[in-house]
């Protein structure tokens, strides 16, 4: 099993989308990339902790590759928007790939280069590619939020 961690705006929809990907075994939402230990949702919403709302994805690399997960990631959001997605604004909503190895870093930077060269978007990708940091699991009410509300992610 392997772990991937990404941030692409509000973590509710991102988690719901990855829960539908074959080969994804488990997901959890939380906060990473900031300076405060054990942040809460309320802390992160102040835009002062530096954390991003992120999803940690446990997956079977024999069923789904890291690159395939990144393809889903780039499909889920507009990676050309700095510190926002749709109506959500602030650093907690930034686009980030948190890599755990040099291979993951190389895959992510290569994909960003390919996307920028393809002209898929009218603006350059601003997704950050940074080393994985401590992942602080979000409060229980945020875990699998879409499922708890009886909603499914319909974007895949």
N, C-alpha and C. Protein backbone atom coordinates (compact mmCIF):
# COMPACT_ATOMS: atom_id res chain seq x y z
N UNK A 1 0.84 -1.17 0.00
CA UNK A 1 0.00 0.00 0.00
C UNK A 1 0.89 1.24 0.00
N UNK A 2 0.35 2.33 -0.52
CA UNK A 2 1.09 3.58 -0.60
C UNK A 2 0.16 4.72 -0.19
N UNK A 3 0.76 5.87 0.09
CA UNK A 3 0.01 7.04 0.53
C UNK A 3 0.34 8.21 -0.40
N UNK A 4 -0.69 8.94 -0.81
CA UNK A 4 -0.52 10.19 -1.55
C UNK A 4 -1.29 11.26 -0.78
N UNK A 5 -0.77 12.48 -0.80
CA UNK A 5 -1.45 13.59 -0.11
C UNK A 5 -1.52 14.78 -1.06
N UNK A 6 -2.75 15.28 -1.25
CA UNK A 6 -2.97 16.41 -2.15
C UNK A 6 -3.95 17.40 -1.53
N UNK A 7 -3.89 18.63 -2.04
CA UNK A 7 -4.84 19.67 -1.64
C UNK A 7 -5.34 20.33 -2.91
N UNK A 8 -6.65 20.48 -3.03
CA UNK A 8 -7.26 21.01 -4.25
C UNK A 8 -8.53 21.80 -3.93
N UNK A 9 -8.49 22.63 -2.92
CA UNK A 9 -9.67 23.37 -2.50
C UNK A 9 -10.32 22.69 -1.31
N UNK A 10 -11.61 22.89 -1.15
CA UNK A 10 -12.34 22.29 -0.03
C UNK A 10 -12.18 20.77 -0.04
N UNK A 11 -11.76 20.22 1.08
CA UNK A 11 -11.42 18.80 1.09
C UNK A 11 -12.62 17.86 0.99
N UNK A 12 -13.83 18.33 1.21
CA UNK A 12 -15.00 17.45 1.14
C UNK A 12 -15.18 16.83 -0.24
N UNK A 13 -15.22 17.65 -1.25
CA UNK A 13 -15.41 17.15 -2.61
C UNK A 13 -14.22 16.37 -3.12
N UNK A 14 -13.03 16.79 -2.74
CA UNK A 14 -11.81 16.09 -3.17
C UNK A 14 -11.81 14.68 -2.60
N UNK A 15 -12.13 14.55 -1.33
CA UNK A 15 -12.20 13.22 -0.73
C UNK A 15 -13.26 12.37 -1.41
N UNK A 16 -14.44 12.93 -1.63
CA UNK A 16 -15.53 12.18 -2.26
C UNK A 16 -15.13 11.67 -3.63
N UNK A 17 -14.39 12.47 -4.40
CA UNK A 17 -13.95 12.05 -5.72
C UNK A 17 -12.96 10.90 -5.63
N UNK A 18 -11.98 11.01 -4.76
CA UNK A 18 -10.98 9.94 -4.64
C UNK A 18 -11.57 8.66 -4.07
N UNK A 19 -12.64 8.75 -3.29
CA UNK A 19 -13.28 7.55 -2.77
C UNK A 19 -13.87 6.70 -3.89
N UNK A 20 -14.08 7.27 -5.06
CA UNK A 20 -14.66 6.56 -6.20
C UNK A 20 -13.61 5.93 -7.12
N UNK A 21 -12.34 6.19 -6.88
CA UNK A 21 -11.29 5.72 -7.78
C UNK A 21 -10.93 4.27 -7.44
N UNK A 22 -11.05 3.36 -8.41
CA UNK A 22 -10.65 1.97 -8.17
C UNK A 22 -9.18 1.91 -7.76
N UNK A 23 -8.90 1.13 -6.72
CA UNK A 23 -7.55 1.02 -6.21
C UNK A 23 -7.28 1.90 -5.00
N UNK A 24 -8.17 2.86 -4.75
CA UNK A 24 -8.07 3.68 -3.53
C UNK A 24 -8.73 2.89 -2.41
N UNK A 25 -7.95 2.64 -1.37
CA UNK A 25 -8.42 1.80 -0.27
C UNK A 25 -9.05 2.59 0.86
N UNK A 26 -8.53 3.79 1.10
CA UNK A 26 -9.04 4.62 2.20
C UNK A 26 -8.62 6.06 1.96
N UNK A 27 -9.39 6.98 2.52
CA UNK A 27 -9.05 8.40 2.44
C UNK A 27 -9.35 9.02 3.81
N UNK A 28 -8.66 10.11 4.07
CA UNK A 28 -9.00 10.90 5.25
C UNK A 28 -8.65 12.35 4.95
N UNK A 29 -9.43 13.25 5.51
CA UNK A 29 -9.18 14.67 5.30
C UNK A 29 -8.46 15.24 6.52
N UNK A 30 -7.70 16.29 6.26
CA UNK A 30 -6.97 16.91 7.35
C UNK A 30 -6.25 18.16 6.88
N UNK A 31 -5.25 18.53 7.66
CA UNK A 31 -4.54 19.79 7.45
C UNK A 31 -3.04 19.49 7.42
N UNK A 32 -2.34 20.10 6.48
CA UNK A 32 -0.90 19.93 6.37
C UNK A 32 -0.29 21.14 5.69
N UNK A 33 1.02 21.26 5.84
CA UNK A 33 1.73 22.35 5.19
C UNK A 33 1.77 23.65 5.97
N UNK A 34 1.42 23.60 7.24
CA UNK A 34 1.38 24.82 8.05
C UNK A 34 2.35 24.79 9.22
N UNK A 35 2.18 25.75 10.11
CA UNK A 35 3.13 25.93 11.21
C UNK A 35 2.58 25.56 12.58
N UNK A 36 1.30 25.38 12.72
CA UNK A 36 0.70 25.11 14.02
C UNK A 36 0.56 23.60 14.24
N UNK A 37 0.84 23.15 15.44
CA UNK A 37 0.62 21.74 15.80
C UNK A 37 -0.85 21.53 16.14
N UNK A 38 -1.38 20.40 15.71
CA UNK A 38 -2.76 20.01 16.01
C UNK A 38 -3.79 21.09 15.70
N UNK A 39 -3.78 21.64 14.48
CA UNK A 39 -4.76 22.68 14.17
C UNK A 39 -6.17 22.11 14.08
N UNK A 40 -7.13 22.96 14.35
CA UNK A 40 -8.54 22.61 14.17
C UNK A 40 -9.04 23.30 12.90
N UNK A 41 -10.22 22.93 12.48
CA UNK A 41 -10.83 23.58 11.32
C UNK A 41 -10.95 25.08 11.57
N UNK A 42 -11.38 25.43 12.76
CA UNK A 42 -11.52 26.86 13.11
C UNK A 42 -10.16 27.58 12.99
N UNK A 43 -9.08 26.94 13.45
CA UNK A 43 -7.74 27.53 13.34
C UNK A 43 -7.36 27.75 11.87
N UNK A 44 -7.55 26.72 11.08
CA UNK A 44 -7.16 26.77 9.67
C UNK A 44 -7.96 27.84 8.92
N UNK A 45 -9.22 28.00 9.28
CA UNK A 45 -10.07 28.99 8.62
C UNK A 45 -9.64 30.43 8.89
N UNK A 46 -8.79 30.66 9.87
CA UNK A 46 -8.30 32.02 10.12
C UNK A 46 -7.31 32.46 9.05
N UNK A 47 -6.81 31.51 8.26
CA UNK A 47 -5.81 31.76 7.22
C UNK A 47 -4.48 32.22 7.83
N UNK A 48 -4.26 31.87 9.11
CA UNK A 48 -3.02 32.27 9.80
C UNK A 48 -2.11 31.10 10.12
N UNK A 49 -2.57 29.86 9.93
CA UNK A 49 -1.76 28.70 10.31
C UNK A 49 -0.87 28.21 9.16
N UNK A 50 -1.23 28.58 7.94
CA UNK A 50 -0.47 28.13 6.78
C UNK A 50 -0.85 26.75 6.27
N UNK A 51 -1.81 26.11 6.92
CA UNK A 51 -2.22 24.76 6.50
C UNK A 51 -3.13 24.81 5.28
N UNK A 52 -3.07 23.75 4.50
CA UNK A 52 -4.02 23.53 3.41
C UNK A 52 -5.00 22.45 3.84
N UNK A 53 -6.23 22.57 3.38
CA UNK A 53 -7.18 21.47 3.54
C UNK A 53 -6.73 20.40 2.56
N UNK A 54 -6.40 19.21 3.07
CA UNK A 54 -5.79 18.18 2.24
C UNK A 54 -6.50 16.84 2.40
N UNK A 55 -6.22 15.96 1.46
CA UNK A 55 -6.74 14.60 1.51
C UNK A 55 -5.57 13.64 1.44
N UNK A 56 -5.53 12.73 2.38
CA UNK A 56 -4.53 11.68 2.37
C UNK A 56 -5.20 10.44 1.79
N UNK A 57 -4.56 9.87 0.79
CA UNK A 57 -5.14 8.77 0.01
C UNK A 57 -4.28 7.52 0.18
N UNK A 58 -4.86 6.47 0.73
CA UNK A 58 -4.17 5.18 0.79
C UNK A 58 -4.61 4.39 -0.43
N UNK A 59 -3.62 3.91 -1.20
CA UNK A 59 -3.97 3.23 -2.44
C UNK A 59 -3.06 2.03 -2.70
N UNK A 60 -3.54 1.16 -3.58
CA UNK A 60 -2.79 -0.02 -3.99
C UNK A 60 -2.13 0.30 -5.33
N UNK A 61 -0.80 0.47 -5.36
CA UNK A 61 -0.13 0.84 -6.61
C UNK A 61 -0.22 -0.22 -7.71
N UNK A 62 -0.66 -1.42 -7.36
CA UNK A 62 -0.85 -2.43 -8.40
C UNK A 62 -2.20 -2.24 -9.10
N UNK A 63 -3.09 -1.45 -8.49
CA UNK A 63 -4.40 -1.18 -9.08
C UNK A 63 -4.50 0.22 -9.68
N UNK A 64 -3.81 1.17 -9.08
CA UNK A 64 -3.85 2.56 -9.56
C UNK A 64 -2.47 3.17 -9.31
N UNK A 65 -1.93 3.84 -10.31
CA UNK A 65 -0.60 4.43 -10.17
C UNK A 65 -0.68 5.82 -9.55
N UNK A 66 0.44 6.28 -9.05
CA UNK A 66 0.54 7.64 -8.51
C UNK A 66 0.17 8.64 -9.61
N UNK A 67 0.67 8.41 -10.82
CA UNK A 67 0.36 9.30 -11.93
C UNK A 67 -1.15 9.34 -12.19
N UNK A 68 -1.81 8.21 -12.14
CA UNK A 68 -3.27 8.18 -12.34
C UNK A 68 -3.98 8.99 -11.25
N UNK A 69 -3.49 8.90 -10.03
CA UNK A 69 -4.08 9.71 -8.95
C UNK A 69 -3.89 11.20 -9.24
N UNK A 70 -2.72 11.57 -9.75
CA UNK A 70 -2.48 12.98 -10.10
C UNK A 70 -3.36 13.42 -11.27
N UNK A 71 -3.63 12.52 -12.19
CA UNK A 71 -4.56 12.86 -13.28
C UNK A 71 -5.93 13.20 -12.72
N UNK A 72 -6.40 12.42 -11.75
CA UNK A 72 -7.67 12.72 -11.08
C UNK A 72 -7.57 14.08 -10.38
N UNK A 73 -6.49 14.29 -9.65
CA UNK A 73 -6.25 15.54 -8.93
C UNK A 73 -6.38 16.74 -9.88
N UNK A 74 -5.72 16.70 -11.02
CA UNK A 74 -5.76 17.84 -11.94
C UNK A 74 -7.12 17.99 -12.62
N UNK A 75 -7.88 16.92 -12.67
CA UNK A 75 -9.24 16.97 -13.24
C UNK A 75 -10.23 17.59 -12.25
N UNK A 76 -9.94 17.50 -10.96
CA UNK A 76 -10.88 17.90 -9.91
C UNK A 76 -11.00 19.40 -9.69
N UNK A 77 -9.99 20.15 -10.07
CA UNK A 77 -9.97 21.57 -9.72
C UNK A 77 -9.24 22.37 -10.80
N UNK A 78 -9.27 23.68 -10.63
CA UNK A 78 -8.54 24.56 -11.55
C UNK A 78 -7.18 24.86 -10.92
N UNK A 79 -6.13 24.19 -11.40
CA UNK A 79 -4.82 24.36 -10.79
C UNK A 79 -4.12 25.66 -11.18
N UNK A 80 -4.83 26.53 -11.89
CA UNK A 80 -4.26 27.83 -12.27
C UNK A 80 -4.70 28.93 -11.32
N UNK A 81 -5.56 28.61 -10.38
CA UNK A 81 -6.05 29.61 -9.42
C UNK A 81 -5.17 29.59 -8.17
N UNK A 82 -4.66 30.75 -7.81
CA UNK A 82 -3.81 30.86 -6.62
C UNK A 82 -4.68 31.07 -5.38
N UNK A 83 -4.53 30.16 -4.42
CA UNK A 83 -5.19 30.29 -3.11
C UNK A 83 -6.70 30.43 -3.20
N UNK A 84 -7.31 29.67 -4.10
CA UNK A 84 -8.76 29.69 -4.18
C UNK A 84 -9.23 28.56 -5.08
N UNK A 85 -10.49 28.18 -4.88
CA UNK A 85 -11.20 27.29 -5.78
C UNK A 85 -12.65 27.72 -5.73
N UNK A 86 -13.16 28.15 -6.87
CA UNK A 86 -14.54 28.64 -6.91
C UNK A 86 -14.73 29.76 -5.91
N UNK A 87 -15.77 29.65 -5.08
CA UNK A 87 -16.03 30.73 -4.12
C UNK A 87 -15.13 30.69 -2.88
N UNK A 88 -14.39 29.59 -2.70
CA UNK A 88 -13.54 29.44 -1.52
C UNK A 88 -12.20 30.14 -1.76
N UNK A 89 -11.84 31.03 -0.84
CA UNK A 89 -10.64 31.83 -1.01
C UNK A 89 -9.79 31.80 0.25
N UNK A 90 -8.49 31.71 0.07
CA UNK A 90 -7.54 31.69 1.18
C UNK A 90 -6.49 30.61 0.96
N UNK A 91 -5.40 30.70 1.70
CA UNK A 91 -4.31 29.74 1.50
C UNK A 91 -4.72 28.31 1.83
N UNK A 92 -5.73 28.11 2.65
CA UNK A 92 -6.16 26.75 2.96
C UNK A 92 -6.73 26.04 1.73
N UNK A 93 -7.08 26.80 0.70
CA UNK A 93 -7.68 26.23 -0.52
C UNK A 93 -6.69 26.14 -1.68
N UNK A 94 -5.40 26.32 -1.39
CA UNK A 94 -4.41 26.30 -2.46
C UNK A 94 -4.26 24.90 -3.05
N UNK A 95 -3.70 24.86 -4.23
CA UNK A 95 -3.44 23.61 -4.95
C UNK A 95 -2.02 23.15 -4.62
N UNK A 96 -1.92 21.96 -4.00
CA UNK A 96 -0.62 21.45 -3.57
C UNK A 96 -0.55 19.94 -3.74
N UNK A 97 0.61 19.48 -4.19
CA UNK A 97 0.94 18.05 -4.16
C UNK A 97 2.04 17.90 -3.12
N UNK A 98 1.77 17.12 -2.09
CA UNK A 98 2.73 16.86 -1.03
C UNK A 98 3.42 15.53 -1.33
N UNK A 99 4.65 15.58 -1.82
CA UNK A 99 5.32 14.35 -2.24
C UNK A 99 6.07 13.68 -1.08
N UNK A 100 6.12 12.36 -1.15
CA UNK A 100 6.80 11.58 -0.13
C UNK A 100 8.10 10.96 -0.59
N UNK A 101 8.42 11.12 -1.88
CA UNK A 101 9.66 10.56 -2.42
C UNK A 101 10.10 11.39 -3.63
N UNK A 102 11.33 11.21 -4.03
CA UNK A 102 11.83 11.92 -5.22
C UNK A 102 11.08 11.47 -6.47
N UNK A 103 10.67 10.21 -6.51
CA UNK A 103 9.91 9.71 -7.66
C UNK A 103 8.56 10.44 -7.76
N UNK A 104 7.91 10.64 -6.62
CA UNK A 104 6.63 11.37 -6.62
C UNK A 104 6.85 12.82 -7.03
N UNK A 105 7.91 13.43 -6.51
CA UNK A 105 8.22 14.82 -6.88
C UNK A 105 8.45 14.93 -8.39
N UNK A 106 9.25 14.01 -8.94
CA UNK A 106 9.54 14.03 -10.38
C UNK A 106 8.26 13.83 -11.20
N UNK A 107 7.41 12.92 -10.77
CA UNK A 107 6.15 12.66 -11.48
C UNK A 107 5.28 13.92 -11.47
N UNK A 108 5.17 14.56 -10.33
CA UNK A 108 4.33 15.76 -10.21
C UNK A 108 4.87 16.90 -11.05
N UNK A 109 6.17 17.17 -10.98
CA UNK A 109 6.73 18.28 -11.75
C UNK A 109 6.67 18.00 -13.25
N UNK A 110 6.86 16.75 -13.63
CA UNK A 110 6.75 16.37 -15.04
C UNK A 110 5.31 16.59 -15.54
N UNK A 111 4.34 16.19 -14.74
CA UNK A 111 2.93 16.38 -15.14
C UNK A 111 2.59 17.85 -15.29
N UNK A 112 3.04 18.68 -14.37
CA UNK A 112 2.77 20.12 -14.46
C UNK A 112 3.38 20.68 -15.73
N UNK A 113 4.60 20.26 -16.04
CA UNK A 113 5.25 20.72 -17.27
C UNK A 113 4.43 20.27 -18.49
N UNK A 114 4.00 19.02 -18.50
CA UNK A 114 3.20 18.50 -19.62
C UNK A 114 1.89 19.27 -19.77
N UNK A 115 1.23 19.54 -18.66
CA UNK A 115 -0.04 20.27 -18.71
C UNK A 115 0.18 21.68 -19.24
N UNK A 116 1.23 22.34 -18.76
CA UNK A 116 1.52 23.70 -19.23
C UNK A 116 1.85 23.71 -20.73
N UNK A 117 2.58 22.70 -21.18
CA UNK A 117 2.93 22.61 -22.60
C UNK A 117 1.72 22.28 -23.48
N UNK A 118 0.76 21.58 -22.92
CA UNK A 118 -0.40 21.13 -23.71
C UNK A 118 -1.38 22.25 -24.04
N UNK A 119 -1.33 23.32 -23.27
CA UNK A 119 -2.30 24.39 -23.48
C UNK A 119 -3.68 24.06 -22.95
N UNK A 120 -3.77 23.06 -22.09
CA UNK A 120 -5.05 22.65 -21.51
C UNK A 120 -5.74 23.80 -20.79
N UNK A 121 -4.94 24.63 -20.12
CA UNK A 121 -5.47 25.79 -19.42
C UNK A 121 -4.94 27.06 -20.08
N UNK A 122 -5.67 28.15 -19.95
CA UNK A 122 -5.25 29.42 -20.52
C UNK A 122 -4.17 30.11 -19.70
N UNK A 123 -3.97 29.66 -18.47
CA UNK A 123 -2.98 30.23 -17.58
C UNK A 123 -2.08 29.10 -17.08
N UNK A 124 -0.88 29.44 -16.61
CA UNK A 124 0.01 28.39 -16.10
C UNK A 124 -0.49 27.78 -14.79
N UNK A 125 -0.15 26.53 -14.60
CA UNK A 125 -0.48 25.81 -13.37
C UNK A 125 0.32 26.41 -12.22
N UNK A 126 -0.36 26.72 -11.11
CA UNK A 126 0.30 27.28 -9.93
C UNK A 126 0.40 26.27 -8.79
N UNK A 127 0.07 25.02 -9.06
CA UNK A 127 0.12 23.97 -8.05
C UNK A 127 1.52 23.89 -7.46
N UNK A 128 1.58 23.92 -6.14
CA UNK A 128 2.86 23.76 -5.44
C UNK A 128 3.20 22.27 -5.35
N UNK A 129 4.47 21.96 -5.44
CA UNK A 129 4.96 20.60 -5.23
C UNK A 129 5.97 20.71 -4.09
N UNK A 130 5.57 20.21 -2.91
CA UNK A 130 6.38 20.38 -1.70
C UNK A 130 6.48 19.06 -0.94
N UNK A 131 7.53 18.92 -0.14
CA UNK A 131 7.66 17.68 0.65
C UNK A 131 6.48 17.49 1.59
N UNK A 132 6.08 16.24 1.76
CA UNK A 132 5.00 15.92 2.70
C UNK A 132 5.43 16.34 4.10
N UNK A 133 4.48 16.84 4.83
CA UNK A 133 4.70 17.35 6.19
C UNK A 133 3.76 16.57 7.12
N UNK A 134 3.78 16.88 8.38
CA UNK A 134 2.86 16.25 9.31
C UNK A 134 1.42 16.47 8.84
N UNK A 135 0.66 15.40 8.81
CA UNK A 135 -0.74 15.45 8.41
C UNK A 135 -1.58 15.36 9.68
N UNK A 136 -2.34 16.42 9.93
CA UNK A 136 -3.21 16.46 11.11
C UNK A 136 -4.62 16.10 10.66
N UNK A 137 -5.13 14.97 11.12
CA UNK A 137 -6.46 14.54 10.72
C UNK A 137 -7.51 15.55 11.19
N UNK A 138 -8.44 15.87 10.29
CA UNK A 138 -9.52 16.80 10.61
C UNK A 138 -10.52 16.13 11.55
N UNK A 139 -11.35 16.96 12.13
CA UNK A 139 -12.39 16.50 13.04
C UNK A 139 -13.31 15.49 12.35
N UNK A 140 -13.93 14.64 13.14
CA UNK A 140 -14.77 13.56 12.60
C UNK A 140 -15.89 14.08 11.70
N UNK A 141 -16.47 15.23 12.03
CA UNK A 141 -17.59 15.72 11.20
C UNK A 141 -17.17 16.04 9.77
N UNK A 142 -15.86 16.20 9.52
CA UNK A 142 -15.38 16.49 8.18
C UNK A 142 -15.02 15.23 7.39
N UNK A 143 -14.88 14.11 8.06
CA UNK A 143 -14.51 12.86 7.39
C UNK A 143 -15.70 12.33 6.59
N UNK A 144 -15.45 12.03 5.31
CA UNK A 144 -16.49 11.49 4.41
C UNK A 144 -17.76 12.33 4.46
N UNK A 145 -17.60 13.63 4.48
CA UNK A 145 -18.71 14.56 4.63
C UNK A 145 -19.80 14.34 3.58
N UNK A 146 -19.41 14.18 2.32
CA UNK A 146 -20.42 13.99 1.27
C UNK A 146 -21.25 12.74 1.53
N UNK A 147 -20.60 11.66 1.93
CA UNK A 147 -21.34 10.43 2.21
C UNK A 147 -22.30 10.62 3.38
N UNK A 148 -21.86 11.33 4.42
CA UNK A 148 -22.72 11.59 5.56
C UNK A 148 -23.94 12.43 5.18
N UNK A 149 -23.77 13.29 4.20
CA UNK A 149 -24.87 14.16 3.75
C UNK A 149 -25.71 13.50 2.64
N UNK A 150 -25.36 12.25 2.31
CA UNK A 150 -26.11 11.54 1.28
C UNK A 150 -25.82 12.02 -0.13
N UNK A 151 -24.65 12.63 -0.32
CA UNK A 151 -24.28 13.15 -1.64
C UNK A 151 -23.13 12.32 -2.20
N UNK A 152 -23.05 12.33 -3.51
CA UNK A 152 -21.94 11.71 -4.22
C UNK A 152 -21.26 12.76 -5.06
N UNK A 153 -19.96 12.57 -5.26
CA UNK A 153 -19.25 13.47 -6.16
C UNK A 153 -19.58 13.03 -7.57
N UNK A 154 -20.04 13.94 -8.40
CA UNK A 154 -20.45 13.59 -9.76
C UNK A 154 -19.50 14.02 -10.84
N UNK A 155 -18.30 14.49 -10.50
CA UNK A 155 -17.40 15.05 -11.49
C UNK A 155 -16.48 14.08 -12.21
N UNK A 156 -16.45 12.81 -11.81
CA UNK A 156 -15.54 11.85 -12.47
C UNK A 156 -16.26 11.04 -13.50
